Amino acid sequence: VESGGGLVQPGGSVRLSCAASGSIFRVYLMGWYR
């Protein structure tokens, strides 16, 4: 579940979050694509 997106001004900042749930074991990698 991602959150934190929206409208931001050029030069500004935003922080995206991704919360994982379920069968969370043996996690090798997490990342962001666009």
PDB file of all heavy atoms in Angstrom:
ATOM      1  N   VAL A   1       0.848  -1.180   0.000  1.00  0.00           N
ATOM      2  CA  VAL A   1       0.000   0.000   0.000  1.00  0.00           C
ATOM      3  C   VAL A   1       0.884   1.231   0.000  1.00  0.00           C
ATOM      4  O   VAL A   1       1.613   1.480   0.962  1.00  0.00           O
ATOM      5  CB  VAL A   1      -0.952   0.019   1.204  1.00  0.00           C
ATOM      6  CG1 VAL A   1      -1.802   1.286   1.184  1.00  0.00           C
ATOM      7  CG2 VAL A   1      -1.835  -1.215   1.207  1.00  0.00           C
ATOM      8  N   GLU A   2       0.801   2.007  -1.078  1.00  0.00           N
ATOM      9  CA  GLU A   2       1.574   3.231  -1.207  1.00  0.00           C
ATOM     10  C   GLU A   2       0.756   4.422  -0.722  1.00  0.00           C
ATOM     11  O   GLU A   2      -0.471   4.438  -0.832  1.00  0.00           O
ATOM     12  CB  GLU A   2       1.990   3.471  -2.660  1.00  0.00           C
ATOM     13  CG  GLU A   2       2.866   2.380  -3.245  1.00  0.00           C
ATOM     14  CD  GLU A   2       2.177   1.630  -4.361  1.00  0.00           C
ATOM     15  OE1 GLU A   2       0.948   1.427  -4.278  1.00  0.00           O
ATOM     16  OE2 GLU A   2       2.869   1.248  -5.325  1.00  0.00           O
ATOM     17  N   SER A   3       1.458   5.424  -0.239  1.00  0.00           N
ATOM     18  CA  SER A   3       0.814   6.659   0.173  1.00  0.00           C
ATOM     19  C   SER A   3       1.814   7.800   0.072  1.00  0.00           C
ATOM     20  O   SER A   3       3.022   7.578  -0.019  1.00  0.00           O
ATOM     21  CB  SER A   3       0.259   6.556   1.594  1.00  0.00           C
ATOM     22  OG  SER A   3       1.295   6.312   2.533  1.00  0.00           O
ATOM     23  N   GLY A   4       1.302   9.016   0.099  1.00  0.00           N
ATOM     24  CA  GLY A   4       2.147  10.195   0.128  1.00  0.00           C
ATOM     25  C   GLY A   4       2.202  10.988  -1.154  1.00  0.00           C
ATOM     26  O   GLY A   4       2.784  12.081  -1.177  1.00  0.00           O
ATOM     27  N   GLY A   5       1.618  10.479  -2.223  1.00  0.00           N
ATOM     28  CA  GLY A   5       1.645  11.200  -3.476  1.00  0.00           C
ATOM     29  C   GLY A   5       0.704  12.386  -3.479  1.00  0.00           C
ATOM     30  O   GLY A   5      -0.122  12.562  -2.591  1.00  0.00           O
ATOM     31  N   GLY A   6       0.856  13.217  -4.495  1.00  0.00           N
ATOM     32  CA  GLY A   6       0.019  14.389  -4.635  1.00  0.00           C
ATOM     33  C   GLY A   6       0.668  15.435  -5.506  1.00  0.00           C
ATOM     34  O   GLY A   6       1.598  15.150  -6.266  1.00  0.00           O
ATOM     35  N   LEU A   7       0.172  16.653  -5.394  1.00  0.00           N
ATOM     36  CA  LEU A   7       0.678  17.784  -6.153  1.00  0.00           C
ATOM     37  C   LEU A   7       1.738  18.515  -5.339  1.00  0.00           C
ATOM     38  O   LEU A   7       1.523  18.826  -4.164  1.00  0.00           O
ATOM     39  CB  LEU A   7      -0.458  18.737  -6.507  1.00  0.00           C
ATOM     40  CG  LEU A   7      -0.084  20.010  -7.262  1.00  0.00           C
ATOM     41  CD1 LEU A   7       0.477  19.674  -8.637  1.00  0.00           C
ATOM     42  CD2 LEU A   7      -1.301  20.921  -7.370  1.00  0.00           C
ATOM     43  N   VAL A   8       2.871  18.788  -5.970  1.00  0.00           N
ATOM     44  CA  VAL A   8       3.967  19.469  -5.302  1.00  0.00           C
ATOM     45  C   VAL A   8       4.586  20.480  -6.258  1.00  0.00           C
ATOM     46  O   VAL A   8       4.601  20.272  -7.476  1.00  0.00           O
ATOM     47  CB  VAL A   8       5.017  18.457  -4.784  1.00  0.00           C
ATOM     48  CG1 VAL A   8       5.633  17.674  -5.930  1.00  0.00           C
ATOM     49  CG2 VAL A   8       6.078  19.145  -3.950  1.00  0.00           C
ATOM     50  N   GLN A   9       5.096  21.569  -5.712  1.00  0.00           N
ATOM     51  CA  GLN A   9       5.720  22.605  -6.520  1.00  0.00           C
ATOM     52  C   GLN A   9       7.115  22.194  -6.971  1.00  0.00           C
ATOM     53  O   GLN A   9       7.800  21.444  -6.274  1.00  0.00           O
ATOM     54  CB  GLN A   9       5.802  23.906  -5.729  1.00  0.00           C
ATOM     55  CG  GLN A   9       4.470  24.457  -5.259  1.00  0.00           C
ATOM     56  CD  GLN A   9       3.599  24.922  -6.397  1.00  0.00           C
ATOM     57  OE1 GLN A   9       4.090  25.473  -7.378  1.00  0.00           O
ATOM     58  NE2 GLN A   9       2.307  24.709  -6.272  1.00  0.00           N
ATOM     59  N   PRO A  10       7.558  22.672  -8.128  1.00  0.00           N
ATOM     60  CA  PRO A  10       8.954  22.435  -8.517  1.00  0.00           C
ATOM     61  C   PRO A  10       9.905  22.919  -7.431  1.00  0.00           C
ATOM     62  O   PRO A  10       9.721  23.990  -6.856  1.00  0.00           O
ATOM     63  CB  PRO A  10       9.107  23.240  -9.802  1.00  0.00           C
ATOM     64  CG  PRO A  10       7.728  23.312 -10.360  1.00  0.00           C
ATOM     65  CD  PRO A  10       6.818  23.408  -9.161  1.00  0.00           C
ATOM     66  N   GLY A  11      10.918  22.109  -7.170  1.00  0.00           N
ATOM     67  CA  GLY A  11      11.850  22.407  -6.097  1.00  0.00           C
ATOM     68  C   GLY A  11      11.411  21.914  -4.741  1.00  0.00           C
ATOM     69  O   GLY A  11      12.200  21.970  -3.786  1.00  0.00           O
ATOM     70  N   GLY A  12      10.189  21.434  -4.640  1.00  0.00           N
ATOM     71  CA  GLY A  12       9.666  20.958  -3.379  1.00  0.00           C
ATOM     72  C   GLY A  12      10.057  19.531  -3.082  1.00  0.00           C
ATOM     73  O   GLY A  12      10.820  18.901  -3.806  1.00  0.00           O
ATOM     74  N   SER A  13       9.498  19.017  -1.996  1.00  0.00           N
ATOM     75  CA  SER A  13       9.813  17.680  -1.520  1.00  0.00           C
ATOM     76  C   SER A  13       8.546  16.927  -1.172  1.00  0.00           C
ATOM     77  O   SER A  13       7.528  17.522  -0.804  1.00  0.00           O
ATOM     78  CB  SER A  13      10.708  17.736  -0.278  1.00  0.00           C
ATOM     79  OG  SER A  13      11.954  18.341  -0.555  1.00  0.00           O
ATOM     80  N   VAL A  14       8.623  15.627  -1.283  1.00  0.00           N
ATOM     81  CA  VAL A  14       7.536  14.759  -0.861  1.00  0.00           C
ATOM     82  C   VAL A  14       8.131  13.428  -0.429  1.00  0.00           C
ATOM     83  O   VAL A  14       9.194  13.027  -0.926  1.00  0.00           O
ATOM     84  CB  VAL A  14       6.491  14.566  -1.981  1.00  0.00           C
ATOM     85  CG1 VAL A  14       7.068  13.751  -3.133  1.00  0.00           C
ATOM     86  CG2 VAL A  14       5.218  13.932  -1.442  1.00  0.00           C
ATOM     87  N   ARG A  15       7.463  12.766   0.488  1.00  0.00           N
ATOM     88  CA  ARG A  15       7.919  11.478   0.973  1.00  0.00           C
ATOM     89  C   ARG A  15       6.855  10.429   0.705  1.00  0.00           C
ATOM     90  O   ARG A  15       5.733  10.542   1.205  1.00  0.00           O
ATOM     91  CB  ARG A  15       8.209  11.534   2.470  1.00  0.00           C
ATOM     92  CG  ARG A  15       8.912  10.299   3.024  1.00  0.00           C
ATOM     93  CD  ARG A  15       8.919  10.314   4.535  1.00  0.00           C
ATOM     94  NE  ARG A  15       9.918   9.417   5.105  1.00  0.00           N
ATOM     95  CZ  ARG A  15       9.937   9.017   6.372  1.00  0.00           C
ATOM     96  NH1 ARG A  15       9.017   9.438   7.219  1.00  0.00           N
ATOM     97  NH2 ARG A  15      10.891   8.198   6.799  1.00  0.00           N
ATOM     98  N   LEU A  16       7.210   9.428  -0.076  1.00  0.00           N
ATOM     99  CA  LEU A  16       6.323   8.316  -0.351  1.00  0.00           C
ATOM    100  C   LEU A  16       6.580   7.179   0.625  1.00  0.00           C
ATOM    101  O   LEU A  16       7.713   6.938   1.019  1.00  0.00           O
ATOM    102  CB  LEU A  16       6.519   7.802  -1.778  1.00  0.00           C
ATOM    103  CG  LEU A  16       6.379   8.819  -2.914  1.00  0.00           C
ATOM    104  CD1 LEU A  16       6.557   8.122  -4.254  1.00  0.00           C
ATOM    105  CD2 LEU A  16       5.046   9.541  -2.839  1.00  0.00           C
ATOM    106  N   SER A  17       5.523   6.482   0.985  1.00  0.00           N
ATOM    107  CA  SER A  17       5.619   5.339   1.871  1.00  0.00           C
ATOM    108  C   SER A  17       5.001   4.122   1.206  1.00  0.00           C
ATOM    109  O   SER A  17       4.030   4.236   0.459  1.00  0.00           O
ATOM    110  CB  SER A  17       4.900   5.598   3.197  1.00  0.00           C
ATOM    111  OG  SER A  17       5.466   6.684   3.886  1.00  0.00           O
ATOM    112  N   CYS A  18       5.554   2.967   1.501  1.00  0.00           N
ATOM    113  CA  CYS A  18       5.014   1.701   1.018  1.00  0.00           C
ATOM    114  C   CYS A  18       5.033   0.715   2.167  1.00  0.00           C
ATOM    115  O   CYS A  18       6.113   0.318   2.629  1.00  0.00           O
ATOM    116  CB  CYS A  18       5.830   1.169  -0.158  1.00  0.00           C
ATOM    117  SG  CYS A  18       5.350  -0.483  -0.709  1.00  0.00           S
ATOM    118  N   ALA A  19       3.856   0.334   2.629  1.00  0.00           N
ATOM    119  CA  ALA A  19       3.719  -0.601   3.731  1.00  0.00           C
ATOM    120  C   ALA A  19       3.370  -1.981   3.190  1.00  0.00           C
ATOM    121  O   ALA A  19       2.409  -2.128   2.430  1.00  0.00           O
ATOM    122  CB  ALA A  19       2.651  -0.132   4.706  1.00  0.00           C
ATOM    123  N   ALA A  20       4.133  -2.975   3.589  1.00  0.00           N
ATOM    124  CA  ALA A  20       3.921  -4.343   3.148  1.00  0.00           C
ATOM    125  C   ALA A  20       3.240  -5.157   4.235  1.00  0.00           C
ATOM    126  O   ALA A  20       3.524  -4.999   5.425  1.00  0.00           O
ATOM    127  CB  ALA A  20       5.249  -4.991   2.764  1.00  0.00           C
ATOM    128  N   SER A  21       2.351  -6.036   3.815  1.00  0.00           N
ATOM    129  CA  SER A  21       1.680  -6.930   4.745  1.00  0.00           C
ATOM    130  C   SER A  21       1.445  -8.273   4.059  1.00  0.00           C
ATOM    131  O   SER A  21       1.558  -8.388   2.844  1.00  0.00           O
ATOM    132  CB  SER A  21       0.355  -6.341   5.235  1.00  0.00           C
ATOM    133  OG  SER A  21      -0.538  -6.136   4.156  1.00  0.00           O
ATOM    134  N   GLY A  22       1.101  -9.280   4.862  1.00  0.00           N
ATOM    135  CA  GLY A  22       0.879 -10.608   4.337  1.00  0.00           C
ATOM    136  C   GLY A  22       2.046 -11.519   4.643  1.00  0.00           C
ATOM    137  O   GLY A  22       2.578 -11.512   5.754  1.00  0.00           O
ATOM    138  N   SER A  23       2.434 -12.291   3.660  1.00  0.00           N
ATOM    139  CA  SER A  23       3.516 -13.260   3.825  1.00  0.00           C
ATOM    140  C   SER A  23       4.862 -12.582   3.648  1.00  0.00           C
ATOM    141  O   SER A  23       5.545 -12.756   2.635  1.00  0.00           O
ATOM    142  CB  SER A  23       3.338 -14.414   2.843  1.00  0.00           C
ATOM    143  OG  SER A  23       2.112 -15.086   3.044  1.00  0.00           O
ATOM    144  N   ILE A  24       5.220 -11.802   4.650  1.00  0.00           N
ATOM    145  CA  ILE A  24       6.460 -11.039   4.585  1.00  0.00           C
ATOM    146  C   ILE A  24       7.580 -11.858   5.215  1.00  0.00           C
ATOM    147  O   ILE A  24       7.765 -11.848   6.438  1.00  0.00           O
ATOM    148  CB  ILE A  24       6.317  -9.680   5.277  1.00  0.00           C
ATOM    149  CG1 ILE A  24       5.095  -8.936   4.747  1.00  0.00           C
ATOM    150  CG2 ILE A  24       7.583  -8.857   5.071  1.00  0.00           C
ATOM    151  CD1 ILE A  24       5.136  -8.699   3.257  1.00  0.00           C
ATOM    152  N   PHE A  25       8.291 -12.556   4.387  1.00  0.00           N
ATOM    153  CA  PHE A  25       9.457 -13.298   4.818  1.00  0.00           C
ATOM    154  C   PHE A  25      10.386 -13.472   3.626  1.00  0.00           C
ATOM    155  O   PHE A  25       9.948 -13.448   2.475  1.00  0.00           O
ATOM    156  CB  PHE A  25       9.063 -14.659   5.418  1.00  0.00           C
ATOM    157  CG  PHE A  25       8.380 -15.591   4.454  1.00  0.00           C
ATOM    158  CD1 PHE A  25       9.107 -16.509   3.714  1.00  0.00           C
ATOM    159  CD2 PHE A  25       7.007 -15.550   4.287  1.00  0.00           C
ATOM    160  CE1 PHE A  25       8.482 -17.364   2.830  1.00  0.00           C
ATOM    161  CE2 PHE A  25       6.362 -16.403   3.409  1.00  0.00           C
ATOM    162  CZ  PHE A  25       7.110 -17.314   2.677  1.00  0.00           C
ATOM    163  N   ARG A  26      11.626 -13.635   3.925  1.00  0.00           N
ATOM    164  CA  ARG A  26      12.647 -13.811   2.895  1.00  0.00           C
ATOM    165  C   ARG A  26      12.536 -12.726   1.829  1.00  0.00           C
ATOM    166  O   ARG A  26      12.527 -12.995   0.626  1.00  0.00           O
ATOM    167  CB  ARG A  26      12.556 -15.200   2.268  1.00  0.00           C
ATOM    168  CG  ARG A  26      12.771 -16.331   3.276  1.00  0.00           C
ATOM    169  CD  ARG A  26      12.591 -17.695   2.631  1.00  0.00           C
ATOM    170  NE  ARG A  26      13.650 -17.993   1.685  1.00  0.00           N
ATOM    171  CZ  ARG A  26      14.827 -18.530   2.009  1.00  0.00           C
ATOM    172  NH1 ARG A  26      15.092 -18.843   3.275  1.00  0.00           N
ATOM    173  NH2 ARG A  26      15.724 -18.768   1.075  1.00  0.00           N
ATOM    174  N   VAL A  27      12.464 -11.492   2.289  1.00  0.00           N
ATOM    175  CA  VAL A  27      12.403 -10.347   1.383  1.00  0.00           C
ATOM    176  C   VAL A  27      13.811 -10.008   0.915  1.00  0.00           C
ATOM    177  O   VAL A  27      14.692  -9.736   1.728  1.00  0.00           O
ATOM    178  CB  VAL A  27      11.748  -9.136   2.067  1.00  0.00           C
ATOM    179  CG1 VAL A  27      11.795  -7.920   1.146  1.00  0.00           C
ATOM    180  CG2 VAL A  27      10.316  -9.458   2.451  1.00  0.00           C
ATOM    181  N   TYR A  28      13.985 -10.006  -0.386  1.00  0.00           N
ATOM    182  CA  TYR A  28      15.294  -9.726  -0.961  1.00  0.00           C
ATOM    183  C   TYR A  28      15.470  -8.267  -1.350  1.00  0.00           C
ATOM    184  O   TYR A  28      16.574  -7.730  -1.258  1.00  0.00           O
ATOM    185  CB  TYR A  28      15.524 -10.597  -2.195  1.00  0.00           C
ATOM    186  CG  TYR A  28      15.516 -12.081  -1.935  1.00  0.00           C
ATOM    187  CD1 TYR A  28      15.026 -12.968  -2.889  1.00  0.00           C
ATOM    188  CD2 TYR A  28      16.016 -12.607  -0.754  1.00  0.00           C
ATOM    189  CE1 TYR A  28      15.013 -14.329  -2.667  1.00  0.00           C
ATOM    190  CE2 TYR A  28      16.006 -13.972  -0.520  1.00  0.00           C
ATOM    191  CZ  TYR A  28      15.512 -14.829  -1.473  1.00  0.00           C
ATOM    192  OH  TYR A  28      15.510 -16.191  -1.248  1.00  0.00           O
ATOM    193  N   LEU A  29      14.383  -7.643  -1.790  1.00  0.00           N
ATOM    194  CA  LEU A  29      14.495  -6.326  -2.384  1.00  0.00           C
ATOM    195  C   LEU A  29      13.171  -5.583  -2.292  1.00  0.00           C
ATOM    196  O   LEU A  29      12.102  -6.173  -2.464  1.00  0.00           O
ATOM    197  CB  LEU A  29      14.906  -6.467  -3.858  1.00  0.00           C
ATOM    198  CG  LEU A  29      15.112  -5.207  -4.676  1.00  0.00           C
ATOM    199  CD1 LEU A  29      16.425  -4.547  -4.276  1.00  0.00           C
ATOM    200  CD2 LEU A  29      15.108  -5.539  -6.162  1.00  0.00           C
ATOM    201  N   MET A  30      13.241  -4.310  -2.017  1.00  0.00           N
ATOM    202  CA  MET A  30      12.099  -3.418  -2.170  1.00  0.00           C
ATOM    203  C   MET A  30      12.552  -2.198  -2.946  1.00  0.00           C
ATOM    204  O   MET A  30      13.691  -1.748  -2.794  1.00  0.00           O
ATOM    205  CB  MET A  30      11.511  -3.005  -0.820  1.00  0.00           C
ATOM    206  CG  MET A  30      10.878  -4.153  -0.057  1.00  0.00           C
ATOM    207  SD  MET A  30       9.950  -3.621   1.408  1.00  0.00           S
ATOM    208  CE  MET A  30       8.510  -2.854   0.628  1.00  0.00           C
ATOM    209  N   GLY A  31      11.663  -1.702  -3.771  1.00  0.00           N
ATOM    210  CA  GLY A  31      12.048  -0.571  -4.586  1.00  0.00           C
ATOM    211  C   GLY A  31      10.869   0.225  -5.085  1.00  0.00           C
ATOM    212  O   GLY A  31       9.709  -0.120  -4.861  1.00  0.00           O
ATOM    213  N   TRP A  32      11.211   1.313  -5.757  1.00  0.00           N
ATOM    214  CA  TRP A  32      10.231   2.203  -6.355  1.00  0.00           C
ATOM    215  C   TRP A  32      10.475   2.302  -7.851  1.00  0.00           C
ATOM    216  O   TRP A  32      11.618   2.493  -8.292  1.00  0.00           O
ATOM    217  CB  TRP A  32      10.306   3.599  -5.738  1.00  0.00           C
ATOM    218  CG  TRP A  32       9.840   3.666  -4.321  1.00  0.00           C
ATOM    219  CD1 TRP A  32      10.595   3.555  -3.197  1.00  0.00           C
ATOM    220  CD2 TRP A  32       8.493   3.857  -3.887  1.00  0.00           C
ATOM    221  NE1 TRP A  32       9.810   3.672  -2.085  1.00  0.00           N
ATOM    222  CE2 TRP A  32       8.514   3.857  -2.475  1.00  0.00           C
ATOM    223  CE3 TRP A  32       7.280   4.035  -4.546  1.00  0.00           C
ATOM    224  CZ2 TRP A  32       7.364   4.027  -1.702  1.00  0.00           C
ATOM    225  CZ3 TRP A  32       6.133   4.197  -3.789  1.00  0.00           C
ATOM    226  CH2 TRP A  32       6.185   4.196  -2.390  1.00  0.00           C
ATOM    227  N   TYR A  33       9.405   2.160  -8.603  1.00  0.00           N
ATOM    228  CA  TYR A  33       9.404   2.397 -10.037  1.00  0.00           C
ATOM    229  C   TYR A  33       8.455   3.544 -10.340  1.00  0.00           C
ATOM    230  O   TYR A  33       7.592   3.885  -9.525  1.00  0.00           O
ATOM    231  CB  TYR A  33       8.948   1.153 -10.793  1.00  0.00           C
ATOM    232  CG  TYR A  33       9.939   0.008 -10.805  1.00  0.00           C
ATOM    233  CD1 TYR A  33      10.174  -0.752  -9.670  1.00  0.00           C
ATOM    234  CD2 TYR A  33      10.629  -0.324 -11.968  1.00  0.00           C
ATOM    235  CE1 TYR A  33      11.068  -1.806  -9.675  1.00  0.00           C
ATOM    236  CE2 TYR A  33      11.524  -1.382 -11.987  1.00  0.00           C
ATOM    237  CZ  TYR A  33      11.737  -2.118 -10.843  1.00  0.00           C
ATOM    238  OH  TYR A  33      12.624  -3.171 -10.866  1.00  0.00           O
ATOM    239  N   ARG A  34       8.599   4.115 -11.509  1.00  0.00           N
ATOM    240  CA  ARG A  34       7.658   5.136 -11.928  1.00  0.00           C
ATOM    241  C   ARG A  34       7.358   4.994 -13.408  1.00  0.00           C
ATOM    242  O   ARG A  34       8.166   4.469 -14.172  1.00  0.00           O
ATOM    243  CB  ARG A  34       8.173   6.543 -11.618  1.00  0.00           C
ATOM    244  CG  ARG A  34       9.384   6.979 -12.433  1.00  0.00           C
ATOM    245  CD  ARG A  34       9.873   8.335 -11.953  1.00  0.00           C
ATOM    246  NE  ARG A  34      11.015   8.806 -12.716  1.00  0.00           N
ATOM    247  CZ  ARG A  34      11.716   9.889 -12.417  1.00  0.00           C
ATOM    248  NH1 ARG A  34      11.378  10.628 -11.356  1.00  0.00           N
ATOM    249  NH2 ARG A  34      12.744  10.251 -13.172  1.00  0.00           N
TER     250      ARG A  34
END
